[in-house]
PDB file of N, CA and C in Angstrom:
ATOM      1  N   MET A   1     -41.505  26.047 -23.729  1.00  0.00           N
ATOM      2  CA  MET A   1     -41.435  25.036 -22.695  1.00  0.00           C
ATOM      3  C   MET A   1     -40.797  23.753 -23.214  1.00  0.00           C
ATOM      4  N   ARG A   2     -41.174  23.355 -24.400  1.00  0.00           N
ATOM      5  CA  ARG A   2     -40.652  22.139 -24.982  1.00  0.00           C
ATOM      6  C   ARG A   2     -39.149  22.229 -25.251  1.00  0.00           C
ATOM      7  N   SER A   3     -38.690  23.370 -25.749  1.00  0.00           N
ATOM      8  CA  SER A   3     -37.265  23.525 -26.051  1.00  0.00           C
ATOM      9  C   SER A   3     -36.431  23.509 -24.778  1.00  0.00           C
ATOM     10  N   THR A   4     -36.973  24.010 -23.675  1.00  0.00           N
ATOM     11  CA  THR A   4     -36.256  23.972 -22.405  1.00  0.00           C
ATOM     12  C   THR A   4     -36.078  22.528 -21.942  1.00  0.00           C
ATOM     13  N   SER A   5     -37.107  21.733 -22.086  1.00  0.00           N
ATOM     14  CA  SER A   5     -37.025  20.328 -21.711  1.00  0.00           C
ATOM     15  C   SER A   5     -36.001  19.600 -22.582  1.00  0.00           C
ATOM     16  N   PHE A   6     -36.025  19.877 -23.881  1.00  0.00           N
ATOM     17  CA  PHE A   6     -35.065  19.257 -24.790  1.00  0.00           C
ATOM     18  C   PHE A   6     -33.646  19.651 -24.423  1.00  0.00           C
ATOM     19  N   LEU A   7     -33.439  20.929 -24.152  1.00  0.00           N
ATOM     20  CA  LEU A   7     -32.103  21.420 -23.793  1.00  0.00           C
ATOM     21  C   LEU A   7     -31.623  20.769 -22.497  1.00  0.00           C
ATOM     22  N   ARG A   8     -32.492  20.669 -21.522  1.00  0.00           N
ATOM     23  CA  ARG A   8     -32.121  20.038 -20.250  1.00  0.00           C
ATOM     24  C   ARG A   8     -31.730  18.580 -20.482  1.00  0.00           C
ATOM     25  N   HIS A   9     -32.516  17.880 -21.278  1.00  0.00           N
ATOM     26  CA  HIS A   9     -32.225  16.482 -21.583  1.00  0.00           C
ATOM     27  C   HIS A   9     -30.888  16.352 -22.321  1.00  0.00           C
ATOM     28  N   ALA A  10     -30.648  17.214 -23.284  1.00  0.00           N
ATOM     29  CA  ALA A  10     -29.399  17.178 -24.046  1.00  0.00           C
ATOM     30  C   ALA A  10     -28.191  17.416 -23.132  1.00  0.00           C
ATOM     31  N   LEU A  11     -28.312  18.350 -22.203  1.00  0.00           N
ATOM     32  CA  LEU A  11     -27.213  18.620 -21.270  1.00  0.00           C
ATOM     33  C   LEU A  11     -26.954  17.424 -20.352  1.00  0.00           C
ATOM     34  N   MET A  12     -28.009  16.743 -19.931  1.00  0.00           N
ATOM     35  CA  MET A  12     -27.836  15.562 -19.089  1.00  0.00           C
ATOM     36  C   MET A  12     -27.115  14.458 -19.848  1.00  0.00           C
ATOM     37  N   VAL A  13     -27.470  14.257 -21.100  1.00  0.00           N
ATOM     38  CA  VAL A  13     -26.825  13.226 -21.913  1.00  0.00           C
ATOM     39  C   VAL A  13     -25.352  13.559 -22.125  1.00  0.00           C
ATOM     40  N   LEU A  14     -25.071  14.813 -22.440  1.00  0.00           N
ATOM     41  CA  LEU A  14     -23.681  15.220 -22.663  1.00  0.00           C
ATOM     42  C   LEU A  14     -22.846  15.083 -21.393  1.00  0.00           C
ATOM     43  N   SER A  15     -23.401  15.456 -20.253  1.00  0.00           N
ATOM     44  CA  SER A  15     -22.628  15.354 -19.011  1.00  0.00           C
ATOM     45  C   SER A  15     -22.404  13.897 -18.633  1.00  0.00           C
ATOM     46  N   ALA A  16     -23.364  13.030 -18.915  1.00  0.00           N
ATOM     47  CA  ALA A  16     -23.182  11.603 -18.642  1.00  0.00           C
ATOM     48  C   ALA A  16     -22.099  11.017 -19.538  1.00  0.00           C
ATOM     49  N   ALA A  17     -22.031  11.475 -20.775  1.00  0.00           N
ATOM     50  CA  ALA A  17     -21.004  10.979 -21.695  1.00  0.00           C
ATOM     51  C   ALA A  17     -19.618  11.444 -21.271  1.00  0.00           C
ATOM     52  N   ALA A  18     -19.534  12.600 -20.660  1.00  0.00           N
ATOM     53  CA  ALA A  18     -18.238  13.133 -20.238  1.00  0.00           C
ATOM     54  C   ALA A  18     -17.769  12.522 -18.922  1.00  0.00           C
ATOM     55  N   ALA A  19     -18.657  11.938 -18.156  1.00  0.00           N
ATOM     56  CA  ALA A  19     -18.322  11.417 -16.829  1.00  0.00           C
ATOM     57  C   ALA A  19     -17.161  10.430 -16.828  1.00  0.00           C
ATOM     58  N   PRO A  20     -17.066   9.476 -17.782  1.00  0.00           N
ATOM     59  CA  PRO A  20     -15.952   8.544 -17.742  1.00  0.00           C
ATOM     60  C   PRO A  20     -14.582   9.194 -17.867  1.00  0.00           C
ATOM     61  N   ALA A  21     -14.517  10.418 -18.352  1.00  0.00           N
ATOM     62  CA  ALA A  21     -13.235  11.088 -18.501  1.00  0.00           C
ATOM     63  C   ALA A  21     -12.616  11.416 -17.143  1.00  0.00           C
ATOM     64  N   PHE A  22     -13.445  11.483 -16.096  1.00  0.00           N
ATOM     65  CA  PHE A  22     -12.961  11.796 -14.770  1.00  0.00           C
ATOM     66  C   PHE A  22     -12.823  10.506 -13.987  1.00  0.00           C
ATOM     67  N   ALA A  23     -11.589  10.107 -13.716  1.00  0.00           N
ATOM     68  CA  ALA A  23     -11.344   8.828 -13.060  1.00  0.00           C
ATOM     69  C   ALA A  23     -11.677   8.913 -11.583  1.00  0.00           C
ATOM     70  N   GLN A  24     -12.272   7.864 -11.094  1.00  0.00           N
ATOM     71  CA  GLN A  24     -12.537   7.749  -9.674  1.00  0.00           C
ATOM     72  C   GLN A  24     -11.235   7.391  -8.981  1.00  0.00           C
ATOM     73  N   ILE A  25     -10.917   8.091  -7.902  1.00  0.00           N
ATOM     74  CA  ILE A  25      -9.710   7.786  -7.140  1.00  0.00           C
ATOM     75  C   ILE A  25     -10.033   6.611  -6.221  1.00  0.00           C
ATOM     76  N   VAL A  26      -9.197   5.586  -6.267  1.00  0.00           N
ATOM     77  CA  VAL A  26      -9.410   4.391  -5.457  1.00  0.00           C
ATOM     78  C   VAL A  26      -8.194   4.122  -4.592  1.00  0.00           C
ATOM     79  N   ASP A  27      -8.416   3.374  -3.523  1.00  0.00           N
ATOM     80  CA  ASP A  27      -7.334   2.934  -2.653  1.00  0.00           C
ATOM     81  C   ASP A  27      -6.788   1.627  -3.219  1.00  0.00           C
ATOM     82  N   HIS A  28      -5.515   1.591  -3.505  1.00  0.00           N
ATOM     83  CA  HIS A  28      -4.884   0.432  -4.142  1.00  0.00           C
ATOM     84  C   HIS A  28      -5.224  -0.877  -3.437  1.00  0.00           C
ATOM     85  N   ASP A  29      -5.170  -0.888  -2.118  1.00  0.00           N
ATOM     86  CA  ASP A  29      -5.333  -2.130  -1.374  1.00  0.00           C
ATOM     87  C   ASP A  29      -6.778  -2.607  -1.266  1.00  0.00           C
ATOM     88  N   THR A  30      -7.751  -1.759  -1.583  1.00  0.00           N
ATOM     89  CA  THR A  30      -9.148  -2.172  -1.439  1.00  0.00           C
ATOM     90  C   THR A  30      -9.867  -2.365  -2.774  1.00  0.00           C
ATOM     91  N   VAL A  31      -9.226  -2.049  -3.887  1.00  0.00           N
ATOM     92  CA  VAL A  31      -9.892  -2.194  -5.184  1.00  0.00           C
ATOM     93  C   VAL A  31     -10.078  -3.679  -5.492  1.00  0.00           C
ATOM     94  N   ARG A  32     -11.273  -4.031  -5.971  1.00  0.00           N
ATOM     95  CA  ARG A  32     -11.590  -5.419  -6.313  1.00  0.00           C
ATOM     96  C   ARG A  32     -12.537  -5.433  -7.503  1.00  0.00           C
ATOM     97  N   CYS A  33     -12.370  -6.456  -8.329  1.00  0.00           N
ATOM     98  CA  CYS A  33     -13.298  -6.693  -9.431  1.00  0.00           C
ATOM     99  C   CYS A  33     -14.044  -7.988  -9.156  1.00  0.00           C
ATOM    100  N   GLU A  34     -15.214  -8.091  -9.727  1.00  0.00           N
ATOM    101  CA  GLU A  34     -16.041  -9.284  -9.556  1.00  0.00           C
ATOM    102  C   GLU A  34     -15.308 -10.511 -10.090  1.00  0.00           C
ATOM    103  N   ALA A  35     -15.360 -11.596  -9.329  1.00  0.00           N
ATOM    104  CA  ALA A  35     -14.729 -12.846  -9.771  1.00  0.00           C
ATOM    105  C   ALA A  35     -15.457 -13.376 -10.998  1.00  0.00           C
ATOM    106  N   MET A  36     -14.688 -13.884 -11.962  1.00  0.00           N
ATOM    107  CA  MET A  36     -15.275 -14.434 -13.186  1.00  0.00           C
ATOM    108  C   MET A  36     -14.371 -15.523 -13.731  1.00  0.00           C
ATOM    109  N   PRO A  37     -14.924 -16.427 -14.515  1.00  0.00           N
ATOM    110  CA  PRO A  37     -14.096 -17.474 -15.124  1.00  0.00           C
ATOM    111  C   PRO A  37     -13.063 -16.863 -16.079  1.00  0.00           C
ATOM    112  N   LYS A  38     -11.898 -17.470 -16.129  1.00  0.00           N
ATOM    113  CA  LYS A  38     -10.836 -16.958 -17.018  1.00  0.00           C
ATOM    114  C   LYS A  38     -11.286 -16.891 -18.462  1.00  0.00           C
ATOM    115  N   ALA A  39     -12.181 -17.786 -18.862  1.00  0.00           N
ATOM    116  CA  ALA A  39     -12.667 -17.799 -20.242  1.00  0.00           C
ATOM    117  C   ALA A  39     -13.416 -16.509 -20.599  1.00  0.00           C
ATOM    118  N   GLU A  40     -13.961 -15.811 -19.591  1.00  0.00           N
ATOM    119  CA  GLU A  40     -14.690 -14.565 -19.843  1.00  0.00           C
ATOM    120  C   GLU A  40     -13.776 -13.341 -19.865  1.00  0.00           C
ATOM    121  N   MET A  41     -12.544 -13.516 -19.415  1.00  0.00           N
ATOM    122  CA  MET A  41     -11.604 -12.395 -19.355  1.00  0.00           C
ATOM    123  C   MET A  41     -10.941 -12.187 -20.720  1.00  0.00           C
ATOM    124  N   LYS A  42     -10.909 -10.946 -21.172  1.00  0.00           N
ATOM    125  CA  LYS A  42     -10.193 -10.636 -22.410  1.00  0.00           C
ATOM    126  C   LYS A  42      -8.695 -10.644 -22.113  1.00  0.00           C
ATOM    127  N   PRO A  43      -7.862 -10.914 -23.115  1.00  0.00           N
ATOM    128  CA  PRO A  43      -6.407 -10.932 -22.900  1.00  0.00           C
ATOM    129  C   PRO A  43      -5.865  -9.553 -22.490  1.00  0.00           C
ATOM    130  N   GLN A  44      -4.886  -9.561 -21.604  1.00  0.00           N
ATOM    131  CA  GLN A  44      -4.249  -8.317 -21.161  1.00  0.00           C
ATOM    132  C   GLN A  44      -3.673  -7.539 -22.342  1.00  0.00           C
ATOM    133  N   MET A  45      -3.142  -8.257 -23.303  1.00  0.00           N
ATOM    134  CA  MET A  45      -2.537  -7.607 -24.471  1.00  0.00           C
ATOM    135  C   MET A  45      -3.572  -6.789 -25.242  1.00  0.00           C
ATOM    136  N   GLU A  46      -4.820  -7.253 -25.244  1.00  0.00           N
ATOM    137  CA  GLU A  46      -5.888  -6.519 -25.918  1.00  0.00           C
ATOM    138  C   GLU A  46      -6.137  -5.176 -25.225  1.00  0.00           C
ATOM    139  N   LEU A  47      -6.106  -5.162 -23.882  1.00  0.00           N
ATOM    140  CA  LEU A  47      -6.259  -3.911 -23.140  1.00  0.00           C
ATOM    141  C   LEU A  47      -5.080  -2.994 -23.427  1.00  0.00           C
ATOM    142  N   GLN A  48      -3.879  -3.543 -23.434  1.00  0.00           N
ATOM    143  CA  GLN A  48      -2.694  -2.731 -23.707  1.00  0.00           C
ATOM    144  C   GLN A  48      -2.788  -2.101 -25.102  1.00  0.00           C
ATOM    145  N   ARG A  49      -3.212  -2.874 -26.077  1.00  0.00           N
ATOM    146  CA  ARG A  49      -3.358  -2.370 -27.451  1.00  0.00           C
ATOM    147  C   ARG A  49      -4.415  -1.258 -27.512  1.00  0.00           C
ATOM    148  N   LYS A  50      -5.545  -1.468 -26.821  1.00  0.00           N
ATOM    149  CA  LYS A  50      -6.626  -0.473 -26.792  1.00  0.00           C
ATOM    150  C   LYS A  50      -6.127   0.843 -26.204  1.00  0.00           C
ATOM    151  N   LEU A  51      -5.448   0.758 -25.067  1.00  0.00           N
ATOM    152  CA  LEU A  51      -4.950   1.971 -24.416  1.00  0.00           C
ATOM    153  C   LEU A  51      -3.878   2.656 -25.261  1.00  0.00           C
ATOM    154  N   THR A  52      -3.007   1.884 -25.871  1.00  0.00           N
ATOM    155  CA  THR A  52      -1.973   2.450 -26.738  1.00  0.00           C
ATOM    156  C   THR A  52      -2.616   3.187 -27.909  1.00  0.00           C
ATOM    157  N   ASP A  53      -3.669   2.608 -28.477  1.00  0.00           N
ATOM    158  CA  ASP A  53      -4.396   3.268 -29.574  1.00  0.00           C
ATOM    159  C   ASP A  53      -5.038   4.574 -29.114  1.00  0.00           C
ATOM    160  N   GLU A  54      -5.342   4.680 -27.811  1.00  0.00           N
ATOM    161  CA  GLU A  54      -5.926   5.902 -27.249  1.00  0.00           C
ATOM    162  C   GLU A  54      -4.869   6.911 -26.826  1.00  0.00           C
ATOM    163  N   GLY A  55      -3.589   6.589 -27.065  1.00  0.00           N
ATOM    164  CA  GLY A  55      -2.514   7.530 -26.758  1.00  0.00           C
ATOM    165  C   GLY A  55      -1.758   7.259 -25.475  1.00  0.00           C
ATOM    166  N   TRP A  56      -2.087   6.188 -24.781  1.00  0.00           N
ATOM    167  CA  TRP A  56      -1.372   5.847 -23.554  1.00  0.00           C
ATOM    168  C   TRP A  56      -0.010   5.255 -23.879  1.00  0.00           C
ATOM    169  N   LYS A  57       0.909   5.358 -22.927  1.00  0.00           N
ATOM    170  CA  LYS A  57       2.184   4.648 -22.971  1.00  0.00           C
ATOM    171  C   LYS A  57       2.130   3.657 -21.817  1.00  0.00           C
ATOM    172  N   VAL A  58       1.864   2.405 -22.137  1.00  0.00           N
ATOM    173  CA  VAL A  58       1.680   1.368 -21.121  1.00  0.00           C
ATOM    174  C   VAL A  58       3.013   0.714 -20.800  1.00  0.00           C
ATOM    175  N   ARG A  59       3.368   0.717 -19.515  1.00  0.00           N
ATOM    176  CA  ARG A  59       4.603   0.084 -19.080  1.00  0.00           C
ATOM    177  C   ARG A  59       4.369  -1.338 -18.621  1.00  0.00           C
ATOM    178  N   GLN A  60       3.207  -1.587 -17.957  1.00  0.00           N
ATOM    179  CA  GLN A  60       2.950  -2.924 -17.439  1.00  0.00           C
ATOM    180  C   GLN A  60       1.449  -3.112 -17.220  1.00  0.00           C
ATOM    181  N   VAL A  61       0.975  -4.339 -17.493  1.00  0.00           N
ATOM    182  CA  VAL A  61      -0.400  -4.736 -17.184  1.00  0.00           C
ATOM    183  C   VAL A  61      -0.310  -6.030 -16.390  1.00  0.00           C
ATOM    184  N   LYS A  62      -1.021  -6.083 -15.243  1.00  0.00           N
ATOM    185  CA  LYS A  62      -0.994  -7.310 -14.450  1.00  0.00           C
ATOM    186  C   LYS A  62      -2.342  -7.506 -13.769  1.00  0.00           C
ATOM    187  N   ASN A  63      -2.560  -8.710 -13.258  1.00  0.00           N
ATOM    188  CA  ASN A  63      -3.774  -9.017 -12.501  1.00  0.00           C
ATOM    189  C   ASN A  63      -3.604  -8.557 -11.065  1.00  0.00           C
ATOM    190  N   PHE A  64      -4.668  -7.950 -10.528  1.00  0.00           N
ATOM    191  CA  PHE A  64      -4.651  -7.552  -9.119  1.00  0.00           C
ATOM    192  C   PHE A  64      -6.078  -7.597  -8.599  1.00  0.00           C
ATOM    193  N   ASN A  65      -6.346  -8.473  -7.654  1.00  0.00           N
ATOM    194  CA  ASN A  65      -7.670  -8.624  -7.044  1.00  0.00           C
ATOM    195  C   ASN A  65      -8.789  -8.748  -8.074  1.00  0.00           C
ATOM    196  N   GLY A  66      -8.528  -9.505  -9.127  1.00  0.00           N
ATOM    197  CA  GLY A  66      -9.539  -9.732 -10.151  1.00  0.00           C
ATOM    198  C   GLY A  66      -9.612  -8.662 -11.224  1.00  0.00           C
ATOM    199  N   CYS A  67      -8.855  -7.584 -11.072  1.00  0.00           N
ATOM    200  CA  CYS A  67      -8.834  -6.484 -12.046  1.00  0.00           C
ATOM    201  C   CYS A  67      -7.544  -6.542 -12.868  1.00  0.00           C
ATOM    202  N   TYR A  68      -7.525  -5.824 -13.972  1.00  0.00           N
ATOM    203  CA  TYR A  68      -6.277  -5.575 -14.683  1.00  0.00           C
ATOM    204  C   TYR A  68      -5.737  -4.244 -14.166  1.00  0.00           C
ATOM    205  N   GLU A  69      -4.524  -4.281 -13.661  1.00  0.00           N
ATOM    206  CA  GLU A  69      -3.865  -3.087 -13.145  1.00  0.00           C
ATOM    207  C   GLU A  69      -2.868  -2.621 -14.198  1.00  0.00           C
ATOM    208  N   VAL A  70      -2.969  -1.348 -14.578  1.00  0.00           N
ATOM    209  CA  VAL A  70      -2.128  -0.794 -15.640  1.00  0.00           C
ATOM    210  C   VAL A  70      -1.246   0.309 -15.068  1.00  0.00           C
ATOM    211  N   TYR A  71       0.048   0.190 -15.340  1.00  0.00           N
ATOM    212  CA  TYR A  71       1.015   1.236 -14.989  1.00  0.00           C
ATOM    213  C   TYR A  71       1.473   1.885 -16.284  1.00  0.00           C
ATOM    214  N   GLY A  72       1.545   3.200 -16.290  1.00  0.00           N
ATOM    215  CA  GLY A  72       2.028   3.884 -17.475  1.00  0.00           C
ATOM    216  C   GLY A  72       1.686   5.355 -17.450  1.00  0.00           C
ATOM    217  N   PHE A  73       1.467   5.908 -18.641  1.00  0.00           N
ATOM    218  CA  PHE A  73       1.144   7.323 -18.813  1.00  0.00           C
ATOM    219  C   PHE A  73      -0.079   7.424 -19.710  1.00  0.00           C
ATOM    220  N   ASP A  74      -1.043   8.251 -19.295  1.00  0.00           N
ATOM    221  CA  ASP A  74      -2.253   8.387 -20.098  1.00  0.00           C
ATOM    222  C   ASP A  74      -1.996   9.281 -21.304  1.00  0.00           C
ATOM    223  N   ALA A  75      -3.031   9.530 -22.094  1.00  0.00           N
ATOM    224  CA  ALA A  75      -2.892  10.317 -23.321  1.00  0.00           C
ATOM    225  C   ALA A  75      -2.434  11.745 -23.048  1.00  0.00           C
ATOM    226  N   ALA A  76      -2.693  12.252 -21.835  1.00  0.00           N
ATOM    227  CA  ALA A  76      -2.268  13.603 -21.472  1.00  0.00           C
ATOM    228  C   ALA A  76      -0.841  13.625 -20.922  1.00  0.00           C
ATOM    229  N   GLY A  77      -0.217  12.444 -20.817  1.00  0.00           N
ATOM    230  CA  GLY A  77       1.152  12.372 -20.328  1.00  0.00           C
ATOM    231  C   GLY A  77       1.265  12.254 -18.817  1.00  0.00           C
ATOM    232  N   ARG A  78       0.141  12.092 -18.122  1.00  0.00           N
ATOM    233  CA  ARG A  78       0.160  11.949 -16.662  1.00  0.00           C
ATOM    234  C   ARG A  78       0.514  10.512 -16.279  1.00  0.00           C
ATOM    235  N   ARG A  79       1.354  10.364 -15.256  1.00  0.00           N
ATOM    236  CA  ARG A  79       1.668   9.038 -14.745  1.00  0.00           C
ATOM    237  C   ARG A  79       0.403   8.439 -14.138  1.00  0.00           C
ATOM    238  N   VAL A  80       0.104   7.184 -14.487  1.00  0.00           N
ATOM    239  CA  VAL A  80      -1.160   6.572 -14.089  1.00  0.00           C
ATOM    240  C   VAL A  80      -0.944   5.161 -13.565  1.00  0.00           C
ATOM    241  N   GLU A  81      -1.680   4.837 -12.520  1.00  0.00           N
ATOM    242  CA  GLU A  81      -1.861   3.462 -12.064  1.00  0.00           C
ATOM    243  C   GLU A  81      -3.374   3.280 -12.039  1.00  0.00           C
ATOM    244  N   ALA A  82      -3.903   2.537 -13.002  1.00  0.00           N
ATOM    245  CA  ALA A  82      -5.350   2.431 -13.178  1.00  0.00           C
ATOM    246  C   ALA A  82      -5.797   0.980 -13.168  1.00  0.00           C
ATOM    247  N   PHE A  83      -7.061   0.775 -12.817  1.00  0.00           N
ATOM    248  CA  PHE A  83      -7.646  -0.556 -12.749  1.00  0.00           C
ATOM    249  C   PHE A  83      -8.792  -0.667 -13.741  1.00  0.00           C
ATOM    250  N   PHE A  84      -8.863  -1.823 -14.429  1.00  0.00           N
ATOM    251  CA  PHE A  84      -9.876  -2.048 -15.455  1.00  0.00           C
ATOM    252  C   PHE A  84     -10.555  -3.389 -15.238  1.00  0.00           C
ATOM    253  N   ASN A  85     -11.836  -3.450 -15.590  1.00  0.00           N
ATOM    254  CA  ASN A  85     -12.582  -4.698 -15.559  1.00  0.00           C
ATOM    255  C   ASN A  85     -12.031  -5.587 -16.671  1.00  0.00           C
ATOM    256  N   PRO A  86     -11.619  -6.829 -16.374  1.00  0.00           N
ATOM    257  CA  PRO A  86     -10.997  -7.678 -17.390  1.00  0.00           C
ATOM    258  C   PRO A  86     -11.966  -8.211 -18.446  1.00  0.00           C
ATOM    259  N   LYS A  87     -13.252  -8.102 -18.217  1.00  0.00           N
ATOM    260  CA  LYS A  87     -14.244  -8.581 -19.183  1.00  0.00           C
ATOM    261  C   LYS A  87     -14.677  -7.471 -20.140  1.00  0.00           C
ATOM    262  N   THR A  88     -14.839  -6.258 -19.594  1.00  0.00           N
ATOM    263  CA  THR A  88     -15.379  -5.145 -20.390  1.00  0.00           C
ATOM    264  C   THR A  88     -14.357  -4.055 -20.689  1.00  0.00           C
ATOM    265  N   PHE A  89     -13.236  -4.073 -19.989  1.00  0.00           N
ATOM    266  CA  PHE A  89     -12.214  -3.019 -20.042  1.00  0.00           C
ATOM    267  C   PHE A  89     -12.737  -1.677 -19.525  1.00  0.00           C
ATOM    268  N   ALA A  90     -13.851  -1.700 -18.788  1.00  0.00           N
ATOM    269  CA  ALA A  90     -14.344  -0.472 -18.148  1.00  0.00           C
ATOM    270  C   ALA A  90     -13.356  -0.071 -17.069  1.00  0.00           C
ATOM    271  N   LYS A  91     -13.072   1.215 -16.991  1.00  0.00           N
ATOM    272  CA  LYS A  91     -12.122   1.708 -15.984  1.00  0.00           C
ATOM    273  C   LYS A  91     -12.801   1.718 -14.622  1.00  0.00           C
ATOM    274  N   ILE A  92     -12.168   1.056 -13.657  1.00  0.00           N
ATOM    275  CA  ILE A  92     -12.688   0.998 -12.288  1.00  0.00           C
ATOM    276  C   ILE A  92     -12.260   2.255 -11.531  1.00  0.00           C
ATOM    277  N   GLY A  93     -11.035   2.676 -11.741  1.00  0.00           N
ATOM    278  CA  GLY A  93     -10.528   3.867 -11.066  1.00  0.00           C
ATOM    279  C   GLY A  93      -9.017   3.949 -11.172  1.00  0.00           C
ATOM    280  N   GLU A  94      -8.474   4.979 -10.513  1.00  0.00           N
ATOM    281  CA  GLU A  94      -7.028   5.219 -10.517  1.00  0.00           C
ATOM    282  C   GLU A  94      -6.559   5.445  -9.098  1.00  0.00           C
ATOM    283  N   VAL A  95      -5.307   5.097  -8.849  1.00  0.00           N
ATOM    284  CA  VAL A  95      -4.662   5.424  -7.590  1.00  0.00           C
ATOM    285  C   VAL A  95      -4.112   6.833  -7.743  1.00  0.00           C
ATOM    286  N   LYS A  96      -4.363   7.665  -6.751  1.00  0.00           N
ATOM    287  CA  LYS A  96      -3.888   9.053  -6.825  1.00  0.00           C
ATOM    288  C   LYS A  96      -2.372   9.074  -6.876  1.00  0.00           C
ATOM    289  N   GLN A  97      -1.834   9.797  -7.838  1.00  0.00           N
ATOM    290  CA  GLN A  97      -0.387   9.927  -7.995  1.00  0.00           C
ATOM    291  C   GLN A  97       0.074  11.217  -7.334  1.00  0.00           C
ATOM    292  N   ASP A  98       1.216  11.158  -6.679  1.00  0.00           N
ATOM    293  CA  ASP A  98       1.763  12.363  -6.012  1.00  0.00           C
ATOM    294  C   ASP A  98       2.476  13.259  -6.983  1.00  0.00           C
TER     295      ASP A  98
END
């Protein structure tokens, strides 16, 4: 009984860790990030460097509705338009590419 509980817990932890790998599809015109003082926002170049280190090819990073909007190609080579929280660099979501 105890090993079943442990196994169930381990599977839940592993699936939660894998969840960020699946990007949430968002509508470009409705995506928004929480307003924050500029002093709390990390530099765009830092996000670009982080993504490049992860294998992305970043073409452009810009501000959009309080988020950092990134155009480029992810580590798998897929064309991406993604949004990130400017304070934490947490991925908010991606616009579906055709």
